[in-house]
Amino acid sequence: MPIAVAGSIATDHLMTFQGRFADSLIAEQLEKVSLSFLADGLEIRRGGVGGNISFGMGLLGARPVLVGSAGPDFDDYRSWLERHGVDCESVHISETAHTARFVCTTDSVLAQIATFYPGAMSEARELEFGPVIDRVGDLDLVLIGPDDPEAMLRHTDECRERGIRFAADPSQQMAFMDGPSIRRLIDGATYLFTNEYESHVAEKKTGWTADEIAERVQVRIITRGSEGCTVAARGEEPINVDVVPARTVVDPTGVGDAFRAGFLVGLDSGLGYRHCAQLGAVMATHVVETVGTQEYSEALTGLRDRLAETYGDADADTIAAHLPQDRV
């Protein structure tokens, strides 16, 4: 049965300004600020958590079903995802709004001015999983990632009502949601993905202790940056997995999405949690070594040897047996 990935679909428009914003800002006049900066670089990258996770899963031979909302400007992005193994037939296309867009300008001292336009993402709250099931059959799991907050809540409720296993991945939306909403998102999840900081935010906002959260989800996956990750299944000893060392650190954006892609493909392949986390870790490292969240496909080869360098031959061979030959 397929895995559905419900999450944001967006494009990032990243510009560079060779001067310093601070040189043009006058403290006494900030309430009347009206400025423009001449950018000398522009990169347009495909992104959004739903798009990023689905892309990574497709690279590993899975065929995830992307569930989200985009604008009429989605055609090129759709073609890209479909060429890399993603089922985009359940993506809703807005008639009035463009695909969500993040526009950011970075100056010479790495100060940033940014704007996020949600656009079509706001229509994700209108989506249902019933039509998805009618088209592809029963779903094995739904990853509910950062998206329109109302959409995330509705998706979670629908999964409970239909008896579909779901993975809660509130991520950056955790900061904007209140305690009752977060409780509603994660209660009853089969898997809960957070980074270490988000795990503390969840505890503080919900009022639940770490043990109480562990009673409400079956498996808790906490990523810890350079310290690896912890997978804690209810009633079992936690599993700690180290990172795969990066050969060069270029851009950390999208690392968490790539980790989730590898972990989910591991689950889909029947691997144990330790091997799922190891596959997620090697995917995350490939993103660190590349500029952009979906620009690492050509580098994603030789995975068996890369895994063996960190985890040993036995683990590498077990994981490699479930990967496409062109990735091994």
C-alpha atoms as a PDB file:
ATOM      1  CA  MET A   1       0.000   0.000   0.000  1.00  0.00           C
ATOM      2  CA  PRO A   2       1.295   3.475  -0.809  1.00  0.00           C
ATOM      3  CA  ILE A   3       2.405   6.200   1.571  1.00  0.00           C
ATOM      4  CA  ALA A   4       0.783   9.616   1.182  1.00  0.00           C
ATOM      5  CA  VAL A   5       2.741  12.755   2.008  1.00  0.00           C
ATOM      6  CA  ALA A   6       0.535  15.702   2.954  1.00  0.00           C
ATOM      7  CA  GLY A   7       2.520  18.921   3.219  1.00  0.00           C
ATOM      8  CA  SER A   8       3.437  22.248   1.732  1.00  0.00           C
ATOM      9  CA  ILE A   9       4.415  22.778  -1.890  1.00  0.00           C
ATOM     10  CA  ALA A  10       6.416  25.940  -2.459  1.00  0.00           C
ATOM     11  CA  THR A  11       9.176  27.621  -4.405  1.00  0.00           C
ATOM     12  CA  ASP A  12      12.043  29.554  -2.857  1.00  0.00           C
ATOM     13  CA  HIS A  13      13.255  32.736  -4.550  1.00  0.00           C
ATOM     14  CA  LEU A  14      16.643  33.532  -3.050  1.00  0.00           C
ATOM     15  CA  MET A  15      18.500  36.748  -3.855  1.00  0.00           C
ATOM     16  CA  THR A  16      21.826  38.224  -2.758  1.00  0.00           C
ATOM     17  CA  PHE A  17      22.692  41.854  -2.061  1.00  0.00           C
ATOM     18  CA  GLN A  18      26.365  42.769  -1.903  1.00  0.00           C
ATOM     19  CA  GLY A  19      25.910  45.667   0.528  1.00  0.00           C
ATOM     20  CA  ARG A  20      24.567  45.745   4.080  1.00  0.00           C
ATOM     21  CA  PHE A  21      20.913  46.399   4.858  1.00  0.00           C
ATOM     22  CA  ALA A  22      21.989  48.169   8.044  1.00  0.00           C
ATOM     23  CA  ASP A  23      23.706  50.913   6.056  1.00  0.00           C
ATOM     24  CA  SER A  24      20.353  51.959   4.590  1.00  0.00           C
ATOM     25  CA  LEU A  25      18.277  51.762   7.760  1.00  0.00           C
ATOM     26  CA  ILE A  26      17.805  54.854   9.936  1.00  0.00           C
ATOM     27  CA  ALA A  27      16.591  53.981  13.416  1.00  0.00           C
ATOM     28  CA  GLU A  28      14.546  57.172  13.835  1.00  0.00           C
ATOM     29  CA  GLN A  29      12.719  56.614  10.521  1.00  0.00           C
ATOM     30  CA  LEU A  30      11.882  52.918  10.651  1.00  0.00           C
ATOM     31  CA  GLU A  31       8.148  53.584  10.915  1.00  0.00           C
ATOM     32  CA  LYS A  32       8.379  55.288   7.497  1.00  0.00           C
ATOM     33  CA  VAL A  33      10.783  52.843   5.880  1.00  0.00           C
ATOM     34  CA  SER A  34      10.572  52.605   2.073  1.00  0.00           C
ATOM     35  CA  LEU A  35      13.594  50.953   0.523  1.00  0.00           C
ATOM     36  CA  SER A  36      14.634  48.795  -2.394  1.00  0.00           C
ATOM     37  CA  PHE A  37      17.900  46.904  -2.849  1.00  0.00           C
ATOM     38  CA  LEU A  38      19.565  45.928  -6.125  1.00  0.00           C
ATOM     39  CA  ALA A  39      20.136  42.177  -5.997  1.00  0.00           C
ATOM     40  CA  ASP A  40      22.887  40.677  -8.103  1.00  0.00           C
ATOM     41  CA  GLY A  41      21.978  37.015  -7.737  1.00  0.00           C
ATOM     42  CA  LEU A  42      18.760  35.018  -7.946  1.00  0.00           C
ATOM     43  CA  GLU A  43      18.174  31.316  -7.398  1.00  0.00           C
ATOM     44  CA  ILE A  44      14.757  29.722  -7.739  1.00  0.00           C
ATOM     45  CA  ARG A  45      14.516  26.394  -5.961  1.00  0.00           C
ATOM     46  CA  ARG A  46      11.745  23.861  -5.671  1.00  0.00           C
ATOM     47  CA  GLY A  47      10.720  23.314  -2.079  1.00  0.00           C
ATOM     48  CA  GLY A  48       8.007  22.900   0.474  1.00  0.00           C
ATOM     49  CA  VAL A  49       8.106  20.062   2.985  1.00  0.00           C
ATOM     50  CA  GLY A  50       5.644  17.910   1.059  1.00  0.00           C
ATOM     51  CA  GLY A  51       7.577  18.322  -2.165  1.00  0.00           C
ATOM     52  CA  ASN A  52      10.954  17.730  -0.514  1.00  0.00           C
ATOM     53  CA  ILE A  53       9.973  14.553   1.328  1.00  0.00           C
ATOM     54  CA  SER A  54       8.179  13.098  -1.690  1.00  0.00           C
ATOM     55  CA  PHE A  55      11.167  13.863  -3.923  1.00  0.00           C
ATOM     56  CA  GLY A  56      13.574  12.050  -1.592  1.00  0.00           C
ATOM     57  CA  MET A  57      11.297   9.024  -1.365  1.00  0.00           C
ATOM     58  CA  GLY A  58      11.021   8.881  -5.143  1.00  0.00           C
ATOM     59  CA  LEU A  59      14.802   8.835  -5.478  1.00  0.00           C
ATOM     60  CA  LEU A  60      14.896   5.707  -3.322  1.00  0.00           C
ATOM     61  CA  GLY A  61      12.425   3.832  -5.484  1.00  0.00           C
ATOM     62  CA  ALA A  62       9.212   4.504  -3.588  1.00  0.00           C
ATOM     63  CA  ARG A  63       6.197   6.077  -5.282  1.00  0.00           C
ATOM     64  CA  PRO A  64       4.732   8.420  -2.682  1.00  0.00           C
ATOM     65  CA  VAL A  65       1.413  10.142  -3.247  1.00  0.00           C
ATOM     66  CA  LEU A  66       1.810  13.895  -2.769  1.00  0.00           C
ATOM     67  CA  VAL A  67      -1.267  15.555  -1.250  1.00  0.00           C
ATOM     68  CA  GLY A  68      -1.188  19.338  -1.186  1.00  0.00           C
ATOM     69  CA  SER A  69      -2.285  22.479  -2.934  1.00  0.00           C
ATOM     70  CA  ALA A  70      -0.431  24.434  -5.615  1.00  0.00           C
ATOM     71  CA  GLY A  71      -1.166  27.124  -8.171  1.00  0.00           C
ATOM     72  CA  PRO A  72      -1.497  27.064 -11.960  1.00  0.00           C
ATOM     73  CA  ASP A  73       2.271  27.747 -12.070  1.00  0.00           C
ATOM     74  CA  PHE A  74       2.908  24.192 -10.779  1.00  0.00           C
ATOM     75  CA  ASP A  75       3.361  22.549 -14.210  1.00  0.00           C
ATOM     76  CA  ASP A  76       7.177  22.561 -14.323  1.00  0.00           C
ATOM     77  CA  TYR A  77       7.456  21.525 -10.687  1.00  0.00           C
ATOM     78  CA  ARG A  78       4.944  18.718 -11.278  1.00  0.00           C
ATOM     79  CA  SER A  79       6.948  17.441 -14.228  1.00  0.00           C
ATOM     80  CA  TRP A  80      10.129  17.453 -12.135  1.00  0.00           C
ATOM     81  CA  LEU A  81       8.524  15.485  -9.300  1.00  0.00           C
ATOM     82  CA  GLU A  82       6.880  12.983 -11.605  1.00  0.00           C
ATOM     83  CA  ARG A  83      10.188  12.331 -13.369  1.00  0.00           C
ATOM     84  CA  HIS A  84      11.606  11.455  -9.966  1.00  0.00           C
ATOM     85  CA  GLY A  85       8.914   8.985  -8.994  1.00  0.00           C
ATOM     86  CA  VAL A  86       6.279  11.098  -7.234  1.00  0.00           C
ATOM     87  CA  ASP A  87       2.549  10.611  -7.819  1.00  0.00           C
ATOM     88  CA  CYS A  88       1.157  14.156  -8.194  1.00  0.00           C
ATOM     89  CA  GLU A  89      -2.383  13.295  -9.264  1.00  0.00           C
ATOM     90  CA  SER A  90      -3.765  14.242  -5.847  1.00  0.00           C
ATOM     91  CA  VAL A  91      -2.280  17.747  -5.864  1.00  0.00           C
ATOM     92  CA  HIS A  92      -5.053  20.337  -5.897  1.00  0.00           C
ATOM     93  CA  ILE A  93      -4.543  23.220  -8.336  1.00  0.00           C
ATOM     94  CA  SER A  94      -5.964  26.546  -7.227  1.00  0.00           C
ATOM     95  CA  GLU A  95      -7.918  28.593  -9.746  1.00  0.00           C
ATOM     96  CA  THR A  96      -7.011  31.902  -8.099  1.00  0.00           C
ATOM     97  CA  ALA A  97      -3.714  31.692  -6.198  1.00  0.00           C
ATOM     98  CA  HIS A  98      -0.108  30.988  -7.108  1.00  0.00           C
ATOM     99  CA  THR A  99       1.961  28.258  -5.493  1.00  0.00           C
ATOM    100  CA  ALA A 100       3.279  29.269  -2.064  1.00  0.00           C
ATOM    101  CA  ARG A 101       6.443  31.321  -2.357  1.00  0.00           C
ATOM    102  CA  PHE A 102       9.309  32.222  -0.052  1.00  0.00           C
ATOM    103  CA  VAL A 103      11.193  35.332  -1.187  1.00  0.00           C
ATOM    104  CA  CYS A 104      14.399  36.112   0.691  1.00  0.00           C
ATOM    105  CA  THR A 105      17.256  38.568   0.149  1.00  0.00           C
ATOM    106  CA  THR A 106      20.545  38.025   2.010  1.00  0.00           C
ATOM    107  CA  ASP A 107      23.124  40.772   2.359  1.00  0.00           C
ATOM    108  CA  SER A 108      26.912  40.583   2.621  1.00  0.00           C
ATOM    109  CA  VAL A 109      26.876  39.937   6.380  1.00  0.00           C
ATOM    110  CA  LEU A 110      24.126  37.259   6.085  1.00  0.00           C
ATOM    111  CA  ALA A 111      21.328  39.505   7.377  1.00  0.00           C
ATOM    112  CA  GLN A 112      18.051  38.598   5.680  1.00  0.00           C
ATOM    113  CA  ILE A 113      14.782  40.235   4.684  1.00  0.00           C
ATOM    114  CA  ALA A 114      12.150  37.704   3.701  1.00  0.00           C
ATOM    115  CA  THR A 115       8.475  37.330   2.891  1.00  0.00           C
ATOM    116  CA  PHE A 116       6.379  34.142   2.759  1.00  0.00           C
ATOM    117  CA  TYR A 117       3.294  34.104   0.549  1.00  0.00           C
ATOM    118  CA  PRO A 118       1.058  31.101   1.398  1.00  0.00           C
ATOM    119  CA  GLY A 119      -1.039  31.440  -1.754  1.00  0.00           C
ATOM    120  CA  ALA A 120      -2.554  28.154  -2.852  1.00  0.00           C
ATOM    121  CA  MET A 121      -1.332  26.408   0.291  1.00  0.00           C
ATOM    122  CA  SER A 122      -4.319  27.867   2.139  1.00  0.00           C
ATOM    123  CA  GLU A 123      -6.641  25.721   0.014  1.00  0.00           C
ATOM    124  CA  ALA A 124      -5.086  22.484   1.322  1.00  0.00           C
ATOM    125  CA  ARG A 125      -7.701  22.558   4.098  1.00  0.00           C
ATOM    126  CA  GLU A 126     -10.282  21.611   1.467  1.00  0.00           C
ATOM    127  CA  LEU A 127      -8.579  18.305   0.625  1.00  0.00           C
ATOM    128  CA  GLU A 128      -9.834  14.876   1.705  1.00  0.00           C
ATOM    129  CA  PHE A 129      -8.155  11.470   1.631  1.00  0.00           C
ATOM    130  CA  GLY A 130     -11.287   9.690   0.399  1.00  0.00           C
ATOM    131  CA  PRO A 131     -10.652  10.566  -3.276  1.00  0.00           C
ATOM    132  CA  VAL A 132      -7.009   9.551  -2.861  1.00  0.00           C
ATOM    133  CA  ILE A 133      -8.034   6.135  -1.554  1.00  0.00           C
ATOM    134  CA  ASP A 134     -10.576   5.748  -4.363  1.00  0.00           C
ATOM    135  CA  ARG A 135      -7.778   6.338  -6.875  1.00  0.00           C
ATOM    136  CA  VAL A 136      -4.806   4.424  -5.422  1.00  0.00           C
ATOM    137  CA  GLY A 137      -6.369   2.038  -2.900  1.00  0.00           C
ATOM    138  CA  ASP A 138      -5.891   1.873   0.850  1.00  0.00           C
ATOM    139  CA  LEU A 139      -3.063   3.955   2.275  1.00  0.00           C
ATOM    140  CA  ASP A 140      -0.451   2.340   4.485  1.00  0.00           C
ATOM    141  CA  LEU A 141       0.537   5.604   6.157  1.00  0.00           C
ATOM    142  CA  VAL A 142      -0.014   9.348   5.834  1.00  0.00           C
ATOM    143  CA  LEU A 143       2.796  11.758   6.708  1.00  0.00           C
ATOM    144  CA  ILE A 144       1.164  14.976   7.879  1.00  0.00           C
ATOM    145  CA  GLY A 145       3.811  17.654   7.502  1.00  0.00           C
ATOM    146  CA  PRO A 146       3.880  21.451   7.819  1.00  0.00           C
ATOM    147  CA  ASP A 147       1.132  22.989   5.718  1.00  0.00           C
ATOM    148  CA  ASP A 148      -1.846  25.256   6.194  1.00  0.00           C
ATOM    149  CA  PRO A 149      -2.525  24.739   9.955  1.00  0.00           C
ATOM    150  CA  GLU A 150      -6.224  24.072   9.440  1.00  0.00           C
ATOM    151  CA  ALA A 151      -5.361  21.503   6.778  1.00  0.00           C
ATOM    152  CA  MET A 152      -3.009  19.716   9.166  1.00  0.00           C
ATOM    153  CA  LEU A 153      -5.710  19.451  11.817  1.00  0.00           C
ATOM    154  CA  ARG A 154      -8.328  18.227   9.349  1.00  0.00           C
ATOM    155  CA  HIS A 155      -5.945  15.658   7.883  1.00  0.00           C
ATOM    156  CA  THR A 156      -5.165  14.327  11.351  1.00  0.00           C
ATOM    157  CA  ASP A 157      -8.848  14.079  12.257  1.00  0.00           C
ATOM    158  CA  GLU A 158      -9.645  12.284   9.005  1.00  0.00           C
ATOM    159  CA  CYS A 159      -6.882   9.746   9.534  1.00  0.00           C
ATOM    160  CA  ARG A 160      -8.280   8.926  12.967  1.00  0.00           C
ATOM    161  CA  GLU A 161     -11.836   8.629  11.620  1.00  0.00           C
ATOM    162  CA  ARG A 162     -10.781   6.388   8.729  1.00  0.00           C
ATOM    163  CA  GLY A 163      -8.382   4.319  10.801  1.00  0.00           C
ATOM    164  CA  ILE A 164      -5.372   5.295   8.697  1.00  0.00           C
ATOM    165  CA  ARG A 165      -2.006   5.237  10.424  1.00  0.00           C
ATOM    166  CA  PHE A 166      -0.390   8.659  10.396  1.00  0.00           C
ATOM    167  CA  ALA A 167       2.969  10.240  11.116  1.00  0.00           C
ATOM    168  CA  ALA A 168       2.754  13.667  12.752  1.00  0.00           C
ATOM    169  CA  ASP A 169       5.443  16.083  11.607  1.00  0.00           C
ATOM    170  CA  PRO A 170       4.379  19.572  12.770  1.00  0.00           C
ATOM    171  CA  SER A 171       7.925  20.955  12.414  1.00  0.00           C
ATOM    172  CA  GLN A 172       8.089  24.757  11.992  1.00  0.00           C
ATOM    173  CA  GLN A 173       4.331  25.149  12.401  1.00  0.00           C
ATOM    174  CA  MET A 174       4.783  24.174  16.044  1.00  0.00           C
ATOM    175  CA  ALA A 175       5.830  27.748  16.841  1.00  0.00           C
ATOM    176  CA  PHE A 176       2.560  29.199  15.514  1.00  0.00           C
ATOM    177  CA  MET A 177       0.106  26.701  16.973  1.00  0.00           C
ATOM    178  CA  ASP A 178      -1.352  26.660  20.467  1.00  0.00           C
ATOM    179  CA  GLY A 179      -1.328  23.772  22.915  1.00  0.00           C
ATOM    180  CA  PRO A 180      -4.776  22.329  22.098  1.00  0.00           C
ATOM    181  CA  SER A 181      -3.969  22.309  18.383  1.00  0.00           C
ATOM    182  CA  ILE A 182      -0.647  20.533  18.928  1.00  0.00           C
ATOM    183  CA  ARG A 183      -2.334  17.960  21.172  1.00  0.00           C
ATOM    184  CA  ARG A 184      -4.893  17.375  18.437  1.00  0.00           C
ATOM    185  CA  LEU A 185      -2.124  16.942  15.856  1.00  0.00           C
ATOM    186  CA  ILE A 186      -0.030  14.378  17.664  1.00  0.00           C
ATOM    187  CA  ASP A 187      -2.445  12.383  19.831  1.00  0.00           C
ATOM    188  CA  GLY A 188      -2.755   8.877  18.423  1.00  0.00           C
ATOM    189  CA  ALA A 189       0.047   9.226  15.863  1.00  0.00           C
ATOM    190  CA  THR A 190       1.895   6.084  14.884  1.00  0.00           C
ATOM    191  CA  TYR A 191       5.049   8.166  14.437  1.00  0.00           C
ATOM    192  CA  LEU A 192       5.963  11.610  15.743  1.00  0.00           C
ATOM    193  CA  PHE A 193       8.858  13.454  14.066  1.00  0.00           C
ATOM    194  CA  THR A 194      10.470  16.463  15.759  1.00  0.00           C
ATOM    195  CA  ASN A 195      13.914  17.904  16.194  1.00  0.00           C
ATOM    196  CA  GLU A 196      15.236  18.275  19.725  1.00  0.00           C
ATOM    197  CA  TYR A 197      14.078  21.886  20.130  1.00  0.00           C
ATOM    198  CA  GLU A 198      10.614  21.128  18.767  1.00  0.00           C
ATOM    199  CA  SER A 199      10.279  18.226  21.198  1.00  0.00           C
ATOM    200  CA  HIS A 200      10.635  20.673  24.093  1.00  0.00           C
ATOM    201  CA  VAL A 201       8.211  23.122  22.457  1.00  0.00           C
ATOM    202  CA  ALA A 202       5.655  20.320  22.159  1.00  0.00           C
ATOM    203  CA  GLU A 203       6.020  19.457  25.833  1.00  0.00           C
ATOM    204  CA  LYS A 204       5.758  23.077  26.947  1.00  0.00           C
ATOM    205  CA  LYS A 205       2.752  23.994  24.799  1.00  0.00           C
ATOM    206  CA  THR A 206       0.755  20.788  25.321  1.00  0.00           C
ATOM    207  CA  GLY A 207       1.522  20.593  29.022  1.00  0.00           C
ATOM    208  CA  TRP A 208       2.378  16.923  28.509  1.00  0.00           C
ATOM    209  CA  THR A 209       5.634  15.495  29.811  1.00  0.00           C
ATOM    210  CA  ALA A 210       7.908  13.489  27.550  1.00  0.00           C
ATOM    211  CA  ASP A 211       6.511  10.307  29.120  1.00  0.00           C
ATOM    212  CA  GLU A 212       2.933  11.442  28.551  1.00  0.00           C
ATOM    213  CA  ILE A 213       3.644  12.158  24.887  1.00  0.00           C
ATOM    214  CA  ALA A 214       5.277   8.735  24.602  1.00  0.00           C
ATOM    215  CA  GLU A 215       2.016   7.197  25.852  1.00  0.00           C
ATOM    216  CA  ARG A 216       0.066   8.942  23.082  1.00  0.00           C
ATOM    217  CA  VAL A 217       2.252   7.995  20.099  1.00  0.00           C
ATOM    218  CA  GLN A 218       3.687   4.631  19.152  1.00  0.00           C
ATOM    219  CA  VAL A 219       7.131   5.770  18.000  1.00  0.00           C
ATOM    220  CA  ARG A 220       8.864   9.063  18.677  1.00  0.00           C
ATOM    221  CA  ILE A 221      11.723  10.114  16.371  1.00  0.00           C
ATOM    222  CA  ILE A 222      13.834  13.040  17.591  1.00  0.00           C
ATOM    223  CA  THR A 223      16.612  14.398  15.392  1.00  0.00           C
ATOM    224  CA  ARG A 224      19.528  16.036  17.202  1.00  0.00           C
ATOM    225  CA  GLY A 225      21.566  17.729  14.482  1.00  0.00           C
ATOM    226  CA  SER A 226      25.212  16.672  14.545  1.00  0.00           C
ATOM    227  CA  GLU A 227      24.460  14.337  17.461  1.00  0.00           C
ATOM    228  CA  GLY A 228      22.305  12.043  15.328  1.00  0.00           C
ATOM    229  CA  CYS A 229      18.814  10.949  16.267  1.00  0.00           C
ATOM    230  CA  THR A 230      16.858   8.914  18.792  1.00  0.00           C
ATOM    231  CA  VAL A 231      14.057   6.502  17.931  1.00  0.00           C
ATOM    232  CA  ALA A 232      11.913   5.614  20.931  1.00  0.00           C
ATOM    233  CA  ALA A 233       9.198   3.001  20.366  1.00  0.00           C
ATOM    234  CA  ARG A 234       6.678   2.501  23.123  1.00  0.00           C
ATOM    235  CA  GLY A 235       7.797  -0.241  25.497  1.00  0.00           C
ATOM    236  CA  GLU A 236      11.249  -0.594  23.910  1.00  0.00           C
ATOM    237  CA  GLU A 237      14.707   0.740  24.672  1.00  0.00           C
ATOM    238  CA  PRO A 238      15.512   3.916  22.695  1.00  0.00           C
ATOM    239  CA  ILE A 239      17.758   3.535  19.659  1.00  0.00           C
ATOM    240  CA  ASN A 240      20.457   6.154  19.065  1.00  0.00           C
ATOM    241  CA  VAL A 241      21.858   6.530  15.549  1.00  0.00           C
ATOM    242  CA  ASP A 242      24.862   8.653  14.599  1.00  0.00           C
ATOM    243  CA  VAL A 243      24.956  10.989  11.617  1.00  0.00           C
ATOM    244  CA  VAL A 244      26.813  10.100   8.435  1.00  0.00           C
ATOM    245  CA  PRO A 245      29.722  12.592   8.455  1.00  0.00           C
ATOM    246  CA  ALA A 246      29.521  15.162   5.666  1.00  0.00           C
ATOM    247  CA  ARG A 247      32.488  15.446   3.347  1.00  0.00           C
ATOM    248  CA  THR A 248      31.686  19.109   2.932  1.00  0.00           C
ATOM    249  CA  VAL A 249      29.013  21.288   4.524  1.00  0.00           C
ATOM    250  CA  VAL A 250      27.309  23.451   1.911  1.00  0.00           C
ATOM    251  CA  ASP A 251      23.672  24.116   2.867  1.00  0.00           C
ATOM    252  CA  PRO A 252      21.620  22.547   5.695  1.00  0.00           C
ATOM    253  CA  THR A 253      18.233  23.584   4.279  1.00  0.00           C
ATOM    254  CA  GLY A 254      16.003  20.551   3.777  1.00  0.00           C
ATOM    255  CA  VAL A 255      18.072  18.161   5.890  1.00  0.00           C
ATOM    256  CA  GLY A 256      15.121  17.166   8.064  1.00  0.00           C
ATOM    257  CA  ASP A 257      12.928  16.513   5.036  1.00  0.00           C
ATOM    258  CA  ALA A 258      15.544  14.207   3.504  1.00  0.00           C
ATOM    259  CA  PHE A 259      15.876  12.324   6.795  1.00  0.00           C
ATOM    260  CA  ARG A 260      12.133  11.742   6.862  1.00  0.00           C
ATOM    261  CA  ALA A 261      12.189  10.557   3.255  1.00  0.00           C
ATOM    262  CA  GLY A 262      14.806   7.924   4.051  1.00  0.00           C
ATOM    263  CA  PHE A 263      13.082   6.858   7.261  1.00  0.00           C
ATOM    264  CA  LEU A 264       9.717   6.451   5.515  1.00  0.00           C
ATOM    265  CA  VAL A 265      11.213   4.430   2.662  1.00  0.00           C
ATOM    266  CA  GLY A 266      12.857   2.217   5.264  1.00  0.00           C
ATOM    267  CA  LEU A 267       9.483   1.639   6.902  1.00  0.00           C
ATOM    268  CA  ASP A 268       7.911   0.916   3.521  1.00  0.00           C
ATOM    269  CA  SER A 269      10.655  -1.633   2.855  1.00  0.00           C
ATOM    270  CA  GLY A 270      10.102  -3.432   6.138  1.00  0.00           C
ATOM    271  CA  LEU A 271      13.386  -2.359   7.730  1.00  0.00           C
ATOM    272  CA  GLY A 272      13.772  -2.039  11.496  1.00  0.00           C
ATOM    273  CA  TYR A 273      13.856   1.359  13.132  1.00  0.00           C
ATOM    274  CA  ARG A 274      17.652   1.459  13.428  1.00  0.00           C
ATOM    275  CA  HIS A 275      18.071   0.813   9.707  1.00  0.00           C
ATOM    276  CA  CYS A 276      15.306   3.309   8.891  1.00  0.00           C
ATOM    277  CA  ALA A 277      17.162   5.980  10.848  1.00  0.00           C
ATOM    278  CA  GLN A 278      20.462   5.092   9.174  1.00  0.00           C
ATOM    279  CA  LEU A 279      18.893   5.428   5.738  1.00  0.00           C
ATOM    280  CA  GLY A 280      17.419   8.764   6.806  1.00  0.00           C
ATOM    281  CA  ALA A 281      20.813   9.910   8.050  1.00  0.00           C
ATOM    282  CA  VAL A 282      22.628   9.189   4.794  1.00  0.00           C
ATOM    283  CA  MET A 283      19.909  11.022   2.857  1.00  0.00           C
ATOM    284  CA  ALA A 284      20.226  14.024   5.173  1.00  0.00           C
ATOM    285  CA  THR A 285      23.983  14.164   4.661  1.00  0.00           C
ATOM    286  CA  HIS A 286      23.592  14.284   0.891  1.00  0.00           C
ATOM    287  CA  VAL A 287      21.406  17.370   1.280  1.00  0.00           C
ATOM    288  CA  VAL A 288      23.975  19.029   3.564  1.00  0.00           C
ATOM    289  CA  GLU A 289      26.566  18.542   0.836  1.00  0.00           C
ATOM    290  CA  THR A 290      24.415  20.190  -1.843  1.00  0.00           C
ATOM    291  CA  VAL A 291      22.906  23.635  -2.458  1.00  0.00           C
ATOM    292  CA  GLY A 292      19.124  23.273  -2.605  1.00  0.00           C
ATOM    293  CA  THR A 293      16.630  20.838  -1.112  1.00  0.00           C
ATOM    294  CA  GLN A 294      16.089  18.791  -4.304  1.00  0.00           C
ATOM    295  CA  GLU A 295      19.400  19.066  -6.127  1.00  0.00           C
ATOM    296  CA  TYR A 296      21.179  15.960  -4.858  1.00  0.00           C
ATOM    297  CA  SER A 297      19.836  13.246  -7.162  1.00  0.00           C
ATOM    298  CA  GLU A 298      23.022  12.872  -9.227  1.00  0.00           C
ATOM    299  CA  ALA A 299      25.135  12.617  -6.074  1.00  0.00           C
ATOM    300  CA  LEU A 300      22.890   9.950  -4.535  1.00  0.00           C
ATOM    301  CA  THR A 301      24.921   6.942  -5.656  1.00  0.00           C
ATOM    302  CA  GLY A 302      27.209   4.560  -3.814  1.00  0.00           C
ATOM    303  CA  LEU A 303      24.908   4.541  -0.798  1.00  0.00           C
ATOM    304  CA  ARG A 304      26.003   1.102   0.344  1.00  0.00           C
ATOM    305  CA  ASP A 305      29.629   2.170   0.773  1.00  0.00           C
ATOM    306  CA  ARG A 306      28.629   5.473   2.356  1.00  0.00           C
ATOM    307  CA  LEU A 307      26.523   3.624   4.911  1.00  0.00           C
ATOM    308  CA  ALA A 308      29.288   1.100   5.567  1.00  0.00           C
ATOM    309  CA  GLU A 309      31.769   3.859   6.417  1.00  0.00           C
ATOM    310  CA  THR A 310      29.642   4.847   9.408  1.00  0.00           C
ATOM    311  CA  TYR A 311      27.556   1.828  10.364  1.00  0.00           C
ATOM    312  CA  GLY A 312      29.563  -1.169   9.132  1.00  0.00           C
ATOM    313  CA  ASP A 313      29.110  -3.697   6.354  1.00  0.00           C
ATOM    314  CA  ALA A 314      26.299  -5.705   7.945  1.00  0.00           C
ATOM    315  CA  ASP A 315      23.941  -2.735   8.339  1.00  0.00           C
ATOM    316  CA  ALA A 316      24.928  -1.348   4.942  1.00  0.00           C
ATOM    317  CA  ASP A 317      24.174  -4.662   3.207  1.00  0.00           C
ATOM    318  CA  THR A 318      20.798  -4.980   4.932  1.00  0.00           C
ATOM    319  CA  ILE A 319      19.724  -1.507   3.792  1.00  0.00           C
ATOM    320  CA  ALA A 320      21.248  -1.778   0.307  1.00  0.00           C
ATOM    321  CA  ALA A 321      19.178  -4.901  -0.407  1.00  0.00           C
ATOM    322  CA  HIS A 322      16.082  -2.659  -0.439  1.00  0.00           C
ATOM    323  CA  LEU A 323      17.465   0.160  -2.598  1.00  0.00           C
ATOM    324  CA  PRO A 324      17.383   0.676  -6.376  1.00  0.00           C
ATOM    325  CA  GLN A 325      20.544  -0.652  -8.005  1.00  0.00           C
ATOM    326  CA  ASP A 326      21.480   2.748  -9.411  1.00  0.00           C
ATOM    327  CA  ARG A 327      21.642   4.113  -5.856  1.00  0.00           C
ATOM    328  CA  VAL A 328      23.664   1.266  -4.347  1.00  0.00           C
END
